[in-house]
Amino acid sequence: MTEPTAPAVPSTTGPVCHTDQWIGGRWTASLATEQLAVTDPSTGQLLATVPSGCAADADRAARAAADAFPVWSTTPIRQRLAALGRITAGLERHAEQLADTITAEVGAPVRLARHTQVGLAIGMAAHSAQVLETFAFEERVGHSLVVREPAGVAACITPWNMPLLLTVQKVLPALAAGCTVIHKPSELTPLHARLFAQIMAEAELPPGVFNMVVGTGPQAGAALAAHPAVDLVSLTGSVRAGREVSVLGADTVKRVHLELGGKGASLVLADADLEAAVRETVDRVCFNSGQACLQWSRLLVPREQHDEAVRIADEAMAQYVVGDPRDPATDLGPLVSEAGRDRVAGYLRAGVDGGADLVRGGTERPVGLEHGHYVTPTLFAGVDPASCIAQEEIFGPVLCVIPHDGEDDAVHIANDTRYGLHSGVWAGDDAHAVRVARRLRTGVVDINGAGFNPAAPFGGFKQSGIGRECGAAGLAGYLETKSLQLPQENTGPLTGPRLKDTTAPAPAREAERNAR
C-alpha cells in the first residue's frame, strides 16, 4: 500500500503545498511549473496549493492507464467485485475525513457533507458493485454472440459542487466495466480527490488502473480530451466545457459522455397539493446552496394559484439558515467561489431589470456574513418564462415562480429551454402526473416528489448532455459492443460471463426472467 506524500485534507497548522499527482500507482512529482490555490469559500482562507497539472502530467497518466488496460480489462468479474468492495470499505473508513474536507473546500454544511455528499457516494459505490454482480456481458441473438467489452482508457472529468458523489458515479462503473481511469477533479476542490486517490491505493488496485491529475480544464482537461491513448471522456460540467471536450475529442473520434447544465421545472397542476409541491420545490432549489444541475429553479403554477404559491414559497424560504458551514444549524453555506457569487448577483440584477417581482433576497449579503461567498436565498414572482432568469442556469438558491394557463401551457413552458435534465410533476394522482411527465423533454422526472433512484439512468435531453449514468446504463456507457457471427450449425451452449440467450422461445425467456 502506498501512502500520500502529504496530507490529503486541509492542515490545522497552515496551508500545505502539494506538488504531486497520482500516476501509475504512486505519488509522482508533477511536471507543472505553476501551483493552484485552494481556498475555504466561507472565509477566503488558503487551505492548500496543488499543482496546475500540465499536458506532460496528463500524458504520463494516459500512458500509465493504457499500459494497465490489457490486464485490467481481462480481470475476472469476481476480482473486480472484490476491488469495488475494498473501495467502498475505504470510503466508509474515511467518511469523516472526506466530509470535513468537502466542508472546507466546497463550503457544504456539515450535515449535508456527511449525509449527502459522502453518504450518497458510499451508497453509489455499493450500488456499482450490485450492478456489476448482475450485469449480462454476453447474449445470443440468432446465430450471433453479442459481447460487451471494456471501452478502453476513460478520462473522468468531475465538477466541484458534488465532488465525491460525481467522482464515484463515474469512476466505479468505469472500473467495474474493465476500463482504466484518469480522474481530473475540479481545480477548485481537489483535496477530497487526493484522499480518494489514497483510498484507491489502500484498495490495492494494480498500478495504472486508477490515476489522478489535478489541473485546470483548459490545460489538464484539454490534454486528456485530446490524448490519443484516451478512448472515452466522461465529463460533468457546463455546456461550454461539454462543447470544448467534444471538439477536442473529435480528432480521434472519442466516445464522449456529457452531463451538463439544467433548468429544471417543478410543474404544478391544478389538482395537486400546492403546499407540498411548493415546499419541496423550495427545498430542492436551496439544496447545496443552489449549486446543483438537477435543482428545480422554475416553479410553474396555475395562474389562479400564483399568489398563494408565492406566499408559501416565501414562508418556506424564510426558514432556511445561511451561515458557517461548520455550524450544525446551517442549511446553506457559501457558494464555492467569488466568481460564482458574482455570477449569481448578475442574474439577480437582471431579474429585477427584466421586470420580475423580487419577493425575497437579492444581491445584499446575508446579515452578519461580511466575509465569504454567501448569497441570500432569493424568490422571484411573476417571472416571464422567456426572461434570462427563467432560461439560464443560475447555479444559486434562486427560485422563479411562473404562472401557467393550464396543462398544455405548462408543458410548453417546461420544455421551452435549451436544457432537459431534471424536472418534477405534481398532480392529484400519480397517473395524471405520469401522463404529463411523458410529454416533457427531460431525462429525469420526479412524480409527486419521488426521490432519487441510483438504479435508474440519469442524464439529460438537448443541451443537458449525452449518455446516461447510474445503474446498468451507467456501466454500459463504458462498454463497447462486439458481434461474433457463429456458424449456423453451432447451436450448443457457449461459456462466457452471464450469457443470455435471446433465441429461446418467448415463454422460456419469460421463465428465465422470473427465475432471476
Protein backbone atom coordinates (compact mmCIF):
# COMPACT_ATOMS: atom_id res chain seq x y z
CA MET A 1 0.00 0.00 0.00
CA THR A 2 1.33 3.43 -0.99
CA GLU A 3 0.62 6.38 1.26
CA PRO A 4 0.34 10.00 0.08
CA THR A 5 3.46 12.09 0.45
CA ALA A 6 1.41 14.87 2.04
CA PRO A 7 -1.91 15.05 3.91
CA ALA A 8 -4.95 14.94 1.65
CA VAL A 9 -7.07 17.09 3.95
CA PRO A 10 -6.62 20.71 5.00
CA SER A 11 -3.95 21.09 7.65
CA THR A 12 -4.79 22.63 11.01
CA THR A 13 -1.31 24.16 11.20
CA GLY A 14 -1.35 26.05 7.91
CA PRO A 15 -1.60 25.59 4.15
CA VAL A 16 0.08 22.54 2.63
CA CYS A 17 1.91 22.73 -0.68
CA HIS A 18 1.14 19.58 -2.69
CA THR A 19 3.43 19.02 -5.67
CA ASP A 20 2.47 15.53 -6.84
CA GLN A 21 -0.11 13.62 -8.88
CA TRP A 22 -1.31 10.01 -8.51
CA ILE A 23 0.08 8.27 -11.61
CA GLY A 24 0.94 4.63 -12.18
CA GLY A 25 0.17 3.53 -8.62
CA ARG A 26 2.30 6.08 -6.80
CA TRP A 27 2.54 9.75 -5.96
CA THR A 28 4.65 11.24 -8.73
CA ALA A 29 6.20 14.69 -8.80
CA SER A 30 4.21 16.91 -11.14
CA LEU A 31 5.96 18.46 -14.13
CA ALA A 32 3.79 21.56 -13.77
CA THR A 33 5.53 24.90 -13.26
CA GLU A 34 2.59 26.59 -11.51
CA GLN A 35 0.56 25.98 -8.36
CA LEU A 36 -3.17 26.50 -7.80
CA ALA A 37 -4.60 27.93 -4.59
CA VAL A 38 -7.39 26.04 -2.82
CA THR A 39 -9.38 28.31 -0.52
CA ASP A 40 -12.14 27.99 2.05
CA PRO A 41 -15.21 29.66 0.46
CA SER A 42 -16.62 30.57 3.87
CA THR A 43 -13.61 32.70 4.82
CA GLY A 44 -11.34 33.04 1.80
CA GLN A 45 -8.55 31.44 3.84
CA LEU A 46 -5.89 29.50 1.91
CA LEU A 47 -6.21 25.77 2.60
CA ALA A 48 -3.51 24.35 0.34
CA THR A 49 -1.84 24.65 -3.02
CA VAL A 50 -1.82 21.94 -5.66
CA PRO A 51 -0.01 21.56 -8.98
CA SER A 52 -1.64 23.10 -12.03
CA GLY A 53 -1.36 19.87 -13.97
CA CYS A 54 0.10 20.24 -17.42
CA ALA A 55 0.00 18.29 -20.69
CA ALA A 56 3.04 16.29 -19.59
CA ASP A 57 1.24 15.15 -16.43
CA ALA A 58 -1.80 14.17 -18.49
CA ASP A 59 0.41 12.29 -20.94
CA ARG A 60 2.08 10.25 -18.21
CA ALA A 61 -1.29 9.40 -16.68
CA ALA A 62 -2.77 8.40 -20.04
CA ARG A 63 0.20 6.18 -20.83
CA ALA A 64 0.03 4.54 -17.40
CA ALA A 65 -3.66 3.83 -17.88
CA ALA A 66 -3.07 2.47 -21.38
CA ASP A 67 -0.29 0.16 -20.12
CA ALA A 68 -2.57 -1.18 -17.37
CA PHE A 69 -5.58 -1.73 -19.63
CA PRO A 70 -4.71 -5.13 -21.19
CA VAL A 71 -4.52 -6.83 -17.80
CA TRP A 72 -7.35 -4.99 -16.02
CA SER A 73 -9.75 -5.40 -18.94
CA THR A 74 -9.40 -9.19 -18.71
CA THR A 75 -9.56 -9.37 -14.92
CA PRO A 76 -12.33 -11.78 -13.84
CA ILE A 77 -15.53 -10.16 -12.62
CA ARG A 78 -15.12 -11.64 -9.14
CA GLN A 79 -11.79 -9.81 -8.78
CA ARG A 80 -13.30 -6.52 -9.94
CA LEU A 81 -16.15 -7.03 -7.47
CA ALA A 82 -13.62 -7.55 -4.70
CA ALA A 83 -11.85 -4.34 -5.69
CA LEU A 84 -15.11 -2.38 -5.62
CA GLY A 85 -15.79 -3.82 -2.18
CA ARG A 86 -12.41 -2.63 -0.92
CA ILE A 87 -13.01 0.84 -2.37
CA THR A 88 -16.44 1.05 -0.70
CA ALA A 89 -14.91 -0.03 2.60
CA GLY A 90 -12.26 2.67 2.20
CA LEU A 91 -14.91 5.32 1.62
CA GLU A 92 -16.68 4.19 4.79
CA ARG A 93 -13.42 4.16 6.74
CA HIS A 94 -12.53 7.71 5.64
CA ALA A 95 -16.09 9.09 5.69
CA GLU A 96 -15.50 11.65 8.44
CA GLN A 97 -12.27 12.86 6.86
CA LEU A 98 -13.95 13.16 3.46
CA ALA A 99 -16.86 15.11 4.92
CA ASP A 100 -14.57 17.53 6.73
CA THR A 101 -12.59 18.07 3.55
CA ILE A 102 -15.70 18.74 1.48
CA THR A 103 -16.99 21.20 4.07
CA ALA A 104 -13.65 23.02 3.93
CA GLU A 105 -13.18 23.24 0.16
CA VAL A 106 -16.78 23.24 -1.13
CA GLY A 107 -18.43 25.11 1.75
CA ALA A 108 -21.04 22.38 2.16
CA PRO A 109 -22.73 22.46 5.59
CA VAL A 110 -21.57 19.62 7.84
CA ARG A 111 -24.94 17.84 7.80
CA LEU A 112 -25.06 17.93 4.00
CA ALA A 113 -21.42 16.88 3.68
CA ARG A 114 -21.83 13.85 5.93
CA HIS A 115 -25.26 12.61 4.99
CA THR A 116 -25.45 13.53 1.30
CA GLN A 117 -22.09 14.44 -0.20
CA VAL A 118 -20.37 11.43 1.42
CA GLY A 119 -23.30 9.24 2.43
CA LEU A 120 -24.77 9.12 -1.07
CA ALA A 121 -21.30 8.47 -2.53
CA ILE A 122 -20.87 5.42 -0.31
CA GLY A 123 -24.31 4.19 -1.34
CA MET A 124 -23.47 4.77 -5.01
CA ALA A 125 -20.25 2.78 -4.61
CA ALA A 126 -22.11 -0.16 -3.09
CA HIS A 127 -24.70 0.04 -5.85
CA SER A 128 -21.98 -0.09 -8.53
CA ALA A 129 -20.94 -3.48 -7.18
CA GLN A 130 -24.54 -4.69 -7.21
CA VAL A 131 -24.89 -3.68 -10.87
CA LEU A 132 -21.68 -5.48 -11.83
CA GLU A 133 -22.80 -8.60 -9.99
CA THR A 134 -25.92 -8.98 -12.17
CA PHE A 135 -24.85 -7.40 -15.47
CA ALA A 136 -25.12 -9.58 -18.62
CA PHE A 137 -21.95 -9.03 -20.64
CA GLU A 138 -22.95 -11.50 -23.36
CA GLU A 139 -26.14 -12.59 -25.11
CA ARG A 140 -27.13 -14.85 -28.01
CA VAL A 141 -29.01 -13.12 -30.83
CA GLY A 142 -29.89 -15.59 -33.56
CA HIS A 143 -26.63 -17.14 -34.72
CA SER A 144 -24.58 -14.32 -33.18
CA LEU A 145 -22.88 -13.99 -29.84
CA VAL A 146 -23.06 -10.34 -28.78
CA VAL A 147 -20.38 -9.43 -26.27
CA ARG A 148 -19.77 -6.21 -24.35
CA GLU A 149 -16.15 -5.35 -23.69
CA PRO A 150 -14.35 -2.53 -21.87
CA ALA A 151 -14.15 0.65 -23.96
CA GLY A 152 -10.53 1.35 -23.01
CA VAL A 153 -8.93 4.24 -21.15
CA ALA A 154 -11.57 6.56 -19.63
CA ALA A 155 -10.87 10.18 -18.65
CA CYS A 156 -13.36 11.14 -15.93
CA ILE A 157 -13.63 14.92 -15.50
CA THR A 158 -15.65 15.89 -12.45
CA PRO A 159 -17.02 19.19 -11.07
CA TRP A 160 -16.78 20.90 -7.69
CA ASN A 161 -20.39 21.01 -6.50
CA MET A 162 -20.95 17.34 -5.51
CA PRO A 163 -17.36 16.27 -6.00
CA LEU A 164 -17.13 12.87 -4.30
CA LEU A 165 -20.55 11.60 -5.39
CA LEU A 166 -19.95 12.52 -9.03
CA THR A 167 -16.45 11.01 -8.91
CA VAL A 168 -17.82 7.71 -7.61
CA GLN A 169 -20.67 7.88 -10.13
CA LYS A 170 -18.12 7.87 -12.97
CA VAL A 171 -15.01 6.11 -11.73
CA LEU A 172 -16.51 2.99 -10.16
CA PRO A 173 -18.69 1.99 -13.14
CA ALA A 174 -15.66 2.53 -15.38
CA LEU A 175 -13.53 0.24 -13.23
CA ALA A 176 -16.39 -2.26 -12.99
CA ALA A 177 -16.57 -2.35 -16.79
CA GLY A 178 -12.86 -3.14 -17.03
CA CYS A 179 -11.70 0.33 -18.11
CA THR A 180 -8.68 2.03 -16.67
CA VAL A 181 -9.21 5.58 -15.45
CA ILE A 182 -7.67 9.03 -15.28
CA HIS A 183 -9.58 11.26 -12.88
CA LYS A 184 -9.38 15.02 -13.38
CA PRO A 185 -11.15 16.73 -10.45
CA SER A 186 -12.08 20.38 -10.42
CA GLU A 187 -9.15 22.61 -9.54
CA LEU A 188 -11.45 24.42 -7.07
CA THR A 189 -11.97 21.30 -4.92
CA PRO A 190 -9.05 18.88 -5.41
CA LEU A 191 -8.35 17.96 -1.78
CA HIS A 192 -11.09 15.33 -1.50
CA ALA A 193 -9.69 13.81 -4.72
CA ARG A 194 -6.28 13.35 -3.11
CA LEU A 195 -7.98 11.46 -0.31
CA PHE A 196 -9.93 9.43 -2.89
CA ALA A 197 -6.61 8.51 -4.53
CA GLN A 198 -5.33 7.36 -1.13
CA ILE A 199 -8.41 5.14 -0.81
CA MET A 200 -7.60 3.68 -4.23
CA ALA A 201 -4.08 2.98 -3.03
CA GLU A 202 -5.42 1.22 0.05
CA ALA A 203 -7.71 -0.85 -2.20
CA GLU A 204 -4.55 -2.20 -3.87
CA LEU A 205 -5.60 -1.66 -7.46
CA PRO A 206 -2.85 -2.62 -9.93
CA PRO A 207 -0.58 0.30 -10.89
CA GLY A 208 -2.07 2.46 -13.62
CA VAL A 209 -5.64 1.22 -13.24
CA PHE A 210 -6.59 4.46 -11.48
CA ASN A 211 -4.71 7.74 -11.96
CA MET A 212 -5.45 11.29 -10.87
CA VAL A 213 -4.25 14.56 -12.37
CA VAL A 214 -5.20 17.86 -10.76
CA GLY A 215 -5.27 20.86 -13.07
CA THR A 216 -7.46 23.31 -14.91
CA GLY A 217 -9.85 22.39 -17.68
CA PRO A 218 -8.02 24.34 -20.41
CA GLN A 219 -4.74 22.62 -19.53
CA ALA A 220 -5.07 19.18 -17.93
CA GLY A 221 -8.65 18.58 -19.06
CA ALA A 222 -7.97 19.58 -22.64
CA ALA A 223 -4.83 17.46 -22.79
CA LEU A 224 -6.77 14.39 -21.65
CA ALA A 225 -9.67 15.03 -24.05
CA ALA A 226 -7.26 15.26 -26.98
CA HIS A 227 -4.86 12.48 -25.96
CA PRO A 228 -4.68 9.59 -28.46
CA ALA A 229 -4.41 6.98 -25.68
CA VAL A 230 -7.74 8.08 -24.15
CA ASP A 231 -10.69 6.21 -25.64
CA LEU A 232 -13.59 7.80 -23.76
CA VAL A 233 -14.19 11.07 -21.94
CA SER A 234 -16.93 11.43 -19.33
CA LEU A 235 -17.48 14.99 -18.18
CA THR A 236 -19.88 16.63 -15.77
CA GLY A 237 -19.74 20.38 -16.15
CA SER A 238 -21.01 23.37 -18.08
CA VAL A 239 -22.37 23.40 -21.61
CA ARG A 240 -19.29 25.38 -22.63
CA ALA A 241 -16.97 22.71 -21.23
CA GLY A 242 -19.02 19.99 -22.92
CA ARG A 243 -18.68 21.66 -26.29
CA GLU A 244 -14.92 22.07 -25.85
CA VAL A 245 -14.41 18.44 -24.85
CA SER A 246 -16.48 17.30 -27.82
CA VAL A 247 -14.36 19.35 -30.21
CA LEU A 248 -11.08 18.16 -28.68
CA GLY A 249 -12.14 14.53 -28.79
CA ALA A 250 -13.35 14.72 -32.37
CA ASP A 251 -9.87 14.39 -33.91
CA THR A 252 -9.56 10.87 -32.51
CA VAL A 253 -13.33 10.20 -32.69
CA LYS A 254 -13.57 9.60 -28.96
CA ARG A 255 -16.71 8.49 -27.24
CA VAL A 256 -17.93 11.41 -25.14
CA HIS A 257 -20.39 11.28 -22.23
CA LEU A 258 -21.67 14.66 -21.11
CA GLU A 259 -23.77 15.59 -18.08
CA LEU A 260 -24.19 19.34 -18.39
CA GLY A 261 -26.50 22.07 -17.19
CA GLY A 262 -30.13 22.13 -16.24
CA LYS A 263 -33.05 24.49 -15.78
CA GLY A 264 -35.47 22.13 -14.12
CA ALA A 265 -39.17 22.89 -13.81
CA SER A 266 -41.39 21.89 -10.92
CA LEU A 267 -44.68 21.71 -12.78
CA VAL A 268 -47.73 22.00 -10.50
CA LEU A 269 -51.12 21.08 -11.92
CA ALA A 270 -54.46 22.43 -10.67
CA ASP A 271 -55.38 19.26 -8.77
CA ALA A 272 -52.02 18.96 -6.96
CA ASP A 273 -51.29 19.51 -3.27
CA LEU A 274 -49.98 23.05 -3.70
CA GLU A 275 -48.38 23.41 -0.29
CA ALA A 276 -46.45 20.12 -0.53
CA ALA A 277 -45.31 20.92 -4.07
CA VAL A 278 -44.11 24.42 -3.26
CA ARG A 279 -42.29 23.48 -0.05
CA GLU A 280 -40.48 20.58 -1.73
CA THR A 281 -39.52 22.83 -4.65
CA VAL A 282 -38.01 25.40 -2.26
CA ASP A 283 -36.07 22.61 -0.60
CA ARG A 284 -34.73 21.42 -3.94
CA VAL A 285 -33.68 24.89 -5.06
CA CYS A 286 -31.86 25.54 -1.77
CA PHE A 287 -30.08 22.16 -1.79
CA ASN A 288 -26.29 22.63 -1.78
CA SER A 289 -26.83 26.41 -1.83
CA GLY A 290 -28.46 26.06 -5.23
CA GLN A 291 -25.30 24.63 -6.77
CA ALA A 292 -26.83 21.58 -8.41
CA CYS A 293 -27.63 20.94 -12.05
CA LEU A 294 -30.69 18.91 -11.04
CA GLN A 295 -32.33 21.66 -8.96
CA TRP A 296 -35.87 22.82 -9.75
CA SER A 297 -35.26 26.52 -10.34
CA ARG A 298 -38.62 27.19 -12.06
CA LEU A 299 -41.90 26.72 -10.20
CA LEU A 300 -44.77 26.55 -12.68
CA VAL A 301 -48.17 27.04 -11.00
CA PRO A 302 -51.73 27.65 -12.23
CA ARG A 303 -52.24 31.38 -12.70
CA GLU A 304 -55.08 31.45 -10.20
CA GLN A 305 -52.81 29.86 -7.57
CA HIS A 306 -49.76 32.06 -8.26
CA ASP A 307 -50.11 34.42 -5.33
CA GLU A 308 -50.76 31.61 -2.86
CA ALA A 309 -47.76 29.69 -4.20
CA VAL A 310 -45.57 32.77 -3.74
CA ARG A 311 -46.81 33.17 -0.16
CA ILE A 312 -45.97 29.55 0.66
CA ALA A 313 -42.56 29.77 -1.01
CA ASP A 314 -41.70 32.97 0.82
CA GLU A 315 -42.69 31.45 4.14
CA ALA A 316 -40.70 28.27 3.43
CA MET A 317 -37.58 30.06 2.20
CA ALA A 318 -37.52 32.21 5.33
CA GLN A 319 -36.89 29.11 7.43
CA TYR A 320 -33.53 28.29 5.80
CA VAL A 321 -30.45 29.31 7.76
CA VAL A 322 -27.47 30.69 5.84
CA GLY A 323 -24.21 30.60 7.75
CA ASP A 324 -20.95 28.97 8.72
CA PRO A 325 -20.87 25.52 7.08
CA ARG A 326 -19.28 24.06 10.22
CA ASP A 327 -22.29 25.05 12.33
CA PRO A 328 -24.75 22.10 12.54
CA ALA A 329 -27.65 24.59 12.41
CA THR A 330 -26.65 25.87 8.95
CA ASP A 331 -28.77 24.89 5.95
CA LEU A 332 -26.95 26.85 3.24
CA GLY A 333 -23.23 27.53 3.20
CA PRO A 334 -21.38 29.87 0.82
CA LEU A 335 -21.08 29.48 -2.91
CA VAL A 336 -17.82 27.86 -3.94
CA SER A 337 -16.08 30.98 -5.28
CA GLU A 338 -16.26 34.74 -5.62
CA ALA A 339 -16.77 34.28 -9.37
CA GLY A 340 -19.79 32.11 -8.61
CA ARG A 341 -21.20 34.73 -6.27
CA ASP A 342 -20.67 37.46 -8.86
CA ARG A 343 -22.44 35.33 -11.48
CA VAL A 344 -25.49 34.82 -9.27
CA ALA A 345 -25.58 38.52 -8.33
CA GLY A 346 -25.55 39.42 -12.02
CA TYR A 347 -28.62 37.25 -12.64
CA LEU A 348 -30.38 38.77 -9.64
CA ARG A 349 -29.87 42.25 -11.07
CA ALA A 350 -31.04 41.03 -14.48
CA GLY A 351 -34.19 39.61 -12.90
CA VAL A 352 -35.11 42.93 -11.34
CA ASP A 353 -34.22 44.82 -14.52
CA GLY A 354 -36.36 42.40 -16.52
CA GLY A 355 -39.49 43.22 -14.52
CA ALA A 356 -39.74 40.19 -12.20
CA ASP A 357 -41.10 40.83 -8.71
CA LEU A 358 -38.32 40.40 -6.13
CA VAL A 359 -40.14 38.91 -3.14
CA ARG A 360 -37.18 37.83 -1.01
CA GLY A 361 -33.39 38.02 -1.14
CA GLY A 362 -31.40 39.91 -3.73
CA THR A 363 -27.80 41.00 -4.10
CA GLU A 364 -27.23 42.07 -0.49
CA ARG A 365 -25.10 39.77 1.66
CA PRO A 366 -26.87 37.80 4.39
CA VAL A 367 -26.82 39.69 7.68
CA GLY A 368 -23.70 39.01 9.74
CA LEU A 369 -21.76 37.36 6.90
CA GLU A 370 -19.39 40.04 5.66
CA HIS A 371 -16.74 37.56 4.55
CA GLY A 372 -17.05 34.53 2.31
CA HIS A 373 -19.02 33.91 -0.86
CA TYR A 374 -22.50 33.99 0.63
CA VAL A 375 -25.78 34.81 -1.09
CA THR A 376 -29.29 35.12 0.28
CA PRO A 377 -31.91 32.63 -0.97
CA THR A 378 -33.94 34.62 -3.48
CA LEU A 379 -37.53 34.37 -4.67
CA PHE A 380 -38.87 35.99 -7.83
CA ALA A 381 -42.60 36.07 -8.67
CA GLY A 382 -44.49 36.77 -11.88
CA VAL A 383 -41.46 35.75 -13.94
CA ASP A 384 -41.65 35.93 -17.74
CA PRO A 385 -40.78 32.42 -19.00
CA ALA A 386 -38.71 33.96 -21.81
CA SER A 387 -36.58 36.09 -19.46
CA CYS A 388 -32.93 35.26 -18.81
CA ILE A 389 -33.55 34.19 -15.19
CA ALA A 390 -36.10 31.67 -16.46
CA GLN A 391 -33.90 30.44 -19.29
CA GLU A 392 -30.33 30.38 -18.00
CA GLU A 393 -28.78 28.17 -15.33
CA ILE A 394 -28.03 30.48 -12.40
CA PHE A 395 -26.39 27.94 -10.06
CA GLY A 396 -27.53 29.58 -6.87
CA PRO A 397 -30.54 29.44 -4.50
CA VAL A 398 -32.84 31.37 -6.81
CA LEU A 399 -36.45 30.33 -7.48
CA CYS A 400 -38.58 31.76 -10.29
CA VAL A 401 -42.35 31.42 -9.90
CA ILE A 402 -44.02 31.34 -13.32
CA PRO A 403 -47.81 31.26 -13.81
CA HIS A 404 -49.30 28.93 -16.43
CA ASP A 405 -52.71 28.74 -18.08
CA GLY A 406 -53.38 25.03 -18.00
CA GLU A 407 -51.67 21.75 -18.70
CA ASP A 408 -50.68 22.39 -22.32
CA ASP A 409 -49.25 25.80 -21.47
CA ALA A 410 -47.32 24.35 -18.51
CA VAL A 411 -45.79 21.63 -20.69
CA HIS A 412 -44.81 24.22 -23.30
CA ILE A 413 -43.13 26.45 -20.70
CA ALA A 414 -41.33 23.50 -19.09
CA ASN A 415 -39.95 22.35 -22.46
CA ASP A 416 -39.09 25.82 -23.74
CA THR A 417 -35.43 25.96 -22.68
CA ARG A 418 -32.24 24.55 -24.18
CA TYR A 419 -31.96 22.21 -21.19
CA GLY A 420 -33.71 18.96 -20.31
CA LEU A 421 -32.12 17.30 -17.30
CA HIS A 422 -34.43 17.00 -14.31
CA SER A 423 -37.99 18.13 -13.62
CA GLY A 424 -40.92 17.31 -11.38
CA VAL A 425 -44.65 16.99 -11.96
CA TRP A 426 -47.24 17.42 -9.22
CA ALA A 427 -50.83 16.27 -9.66
CA GLY A 428 -53.76 14.96 -7.66
CA ASP A 429 -52.88 11.39 -8.56
CA ASP A 430 -49.73 9.70 -9.87
CA ALA A 431 -51.35 8.53 -13.11
CA HIS A 432 -52.19 12.11 -14.08
CA ALA A 433 -48.65 13.23 -13.25
CA VAL A 434 -47.15 10.40 -15.30
CA ARG A 435 -49.23 11.35 -18.35
CA VAL A 436 -47.86 14.87 -18.18
CA ALA A 437 -44.30 13.69 -17.42
CA ARG A 438 -44.29 11.69 -20.66
CA ARG A 439 -44.70 14.97 -22.54
CA LEU A 440 -41.59 16.59 -21.02
CA ARG A 441 -38.31 16.64 -22.93
CA THR A 442 -36.41 15.80 -19.78
CA GLY A 443 -34.15 12.89 -18.83
CA VAL A 444 -35.48 12.50 -15.28
CA VAL A 445 -38.92 13.46 -13.95
CA ASP A 446 -39.93 13.07 -10.30
CA ILE A 447 -43.59 12.21 -9.83
CA ASN A 448 -45.20 13.95 -6.84
CA GLY A 449 -41.87 14.42 -5.08
CA ALA A 450 -40.47 10.91 -5.55
CA GLY A 451 -36.80 10.57 -4.57
CA PHE A 452 -33.58 9.79 -6.42
CA ASN A 453 -33.07 6.20 -7.59
CA PRO A 454 -29.42 5.18 -8.15
CA ALA A 455 -30.55 2.15 -10.17
CA ALA A 456 -32.29 4.29 -12.80
CA PRO A 457 -30.46 6.01 -15.69
CA PHE A 458 -29.56 9.65 -15.05
CA GLY A 459 -28.87 12.13 -17.85
CA GLY A 460 -30.42 14.80 -19.99
CA PHE A 461 -32.05 15.73 -23.27
CA LYS A 462 -30.99 18.59 -25.54
CA GLN A 463 -28.03 20.62 -24.23
CA SER A 464 -28.16 18.91 -20.84
CA GLY A 465 -25.92 16.19 -22.17
CA ILE A 466 -25.21 12.96 -23.99
CA GLY A 467 -25.36 9.49 -22.45
CA ARG A 468 -26.58 8.18 -19.10
CA GLU A 469 -25.03 7.48 -15.71
CA CYS A 470 -26.18 5.26 -12.80
CA GLY A 471 -27.47 1.72 -12.82
CA ALA A 472 -26.92 -0.72 -15.67
CA ALA A 473 -26.98 2.14 -18.18
CA GLY A 474 -24.06 3.77 -16.37
CA LEU A 475 -21.98 0.60 -16.60
CA ALA A 476 -22.96 0.05 -20.23
CA GLY A 477 -21.63 3.51 -21.06
CA TYR A 478 -18.09 2.23 -20.51
CA LEU A 479 -18.50 -0.80 -22.77
CA GLU A 480 -18.12 -1.46 -26.49
CA THR A 481 -20.38 -3.96 -28.26
CA LYS A 482 -18.99 -6.70 -30.47
CA SER A 483 -20.95 -9.24 -32.53
CA LEU A 484 -19.46 -12.68 -33.15
CA GLN A 485 -21.21 -14.32 -36.09
CA LEU A 486 -21.25 -18.07 -35.46
CA PRO A 487 -21.77 -20.88 -37.98
CA GLN A 488 -25.48 -21.64 -38.29
CA GLU A 489 -24.99 -25.21 -37.12
CA ASN A 490 -23.43 -24.05 -33.84
CA THR A 491 -26.45 -24.10 -31.52
CA GLY A 492 -24.77 -25.53 -28.46
CA PRO A 493 -24.08 -23.61 -25.25
CA LEU A 494 -21.14 -21.21 -25.13
CA THR A 495 -19.28 -20.26 -21.98
CA GLY A 496 -18.96 -16.63 -21.05
CA PRO A 497 -19.86 -14.10 -18.36
CA ARG A 498 -23.60 -14.36 -17.76
CA LEU A 499 -24.67 -15.48 -21.21
CA LYS A 500 -28.26 -14.52 -22.03
CA ASP A 501 -29.92 -16.48 -24.85
CA THR A 502 -32.41 -14.29 -26.72
CA THR A 503 -33.02 -17.01 -29.32
CA ALA A 504 -35.07 -19.11 -26.88
CA PRO A 505 -38.85 -19.14 -27.31
CA ALA A 506 -40.67 -16.30 -25.59
CA PRO A 507 -42.15 -18.47 -22.78
CA ALA A 508 -38.68 -19.80 -21.98
CA ARG A 509 -37.24 -16.28 -21.84
CA GLU A 510 -40.09 -15.21 -19.56
CA ALA A 511 -39.40 -18.16 -17.26
CA GLU A 512 -35.71 -17.24 -17.18
CA ARG A 513 -36.51 -13.64 -16.24
CA ASN A 514 -38.85 -14.81 -13.50
CA ALA A 515 -36.18 -17.16 -12.18
CA ARG A 516 -33.69 -14.31 -11.96
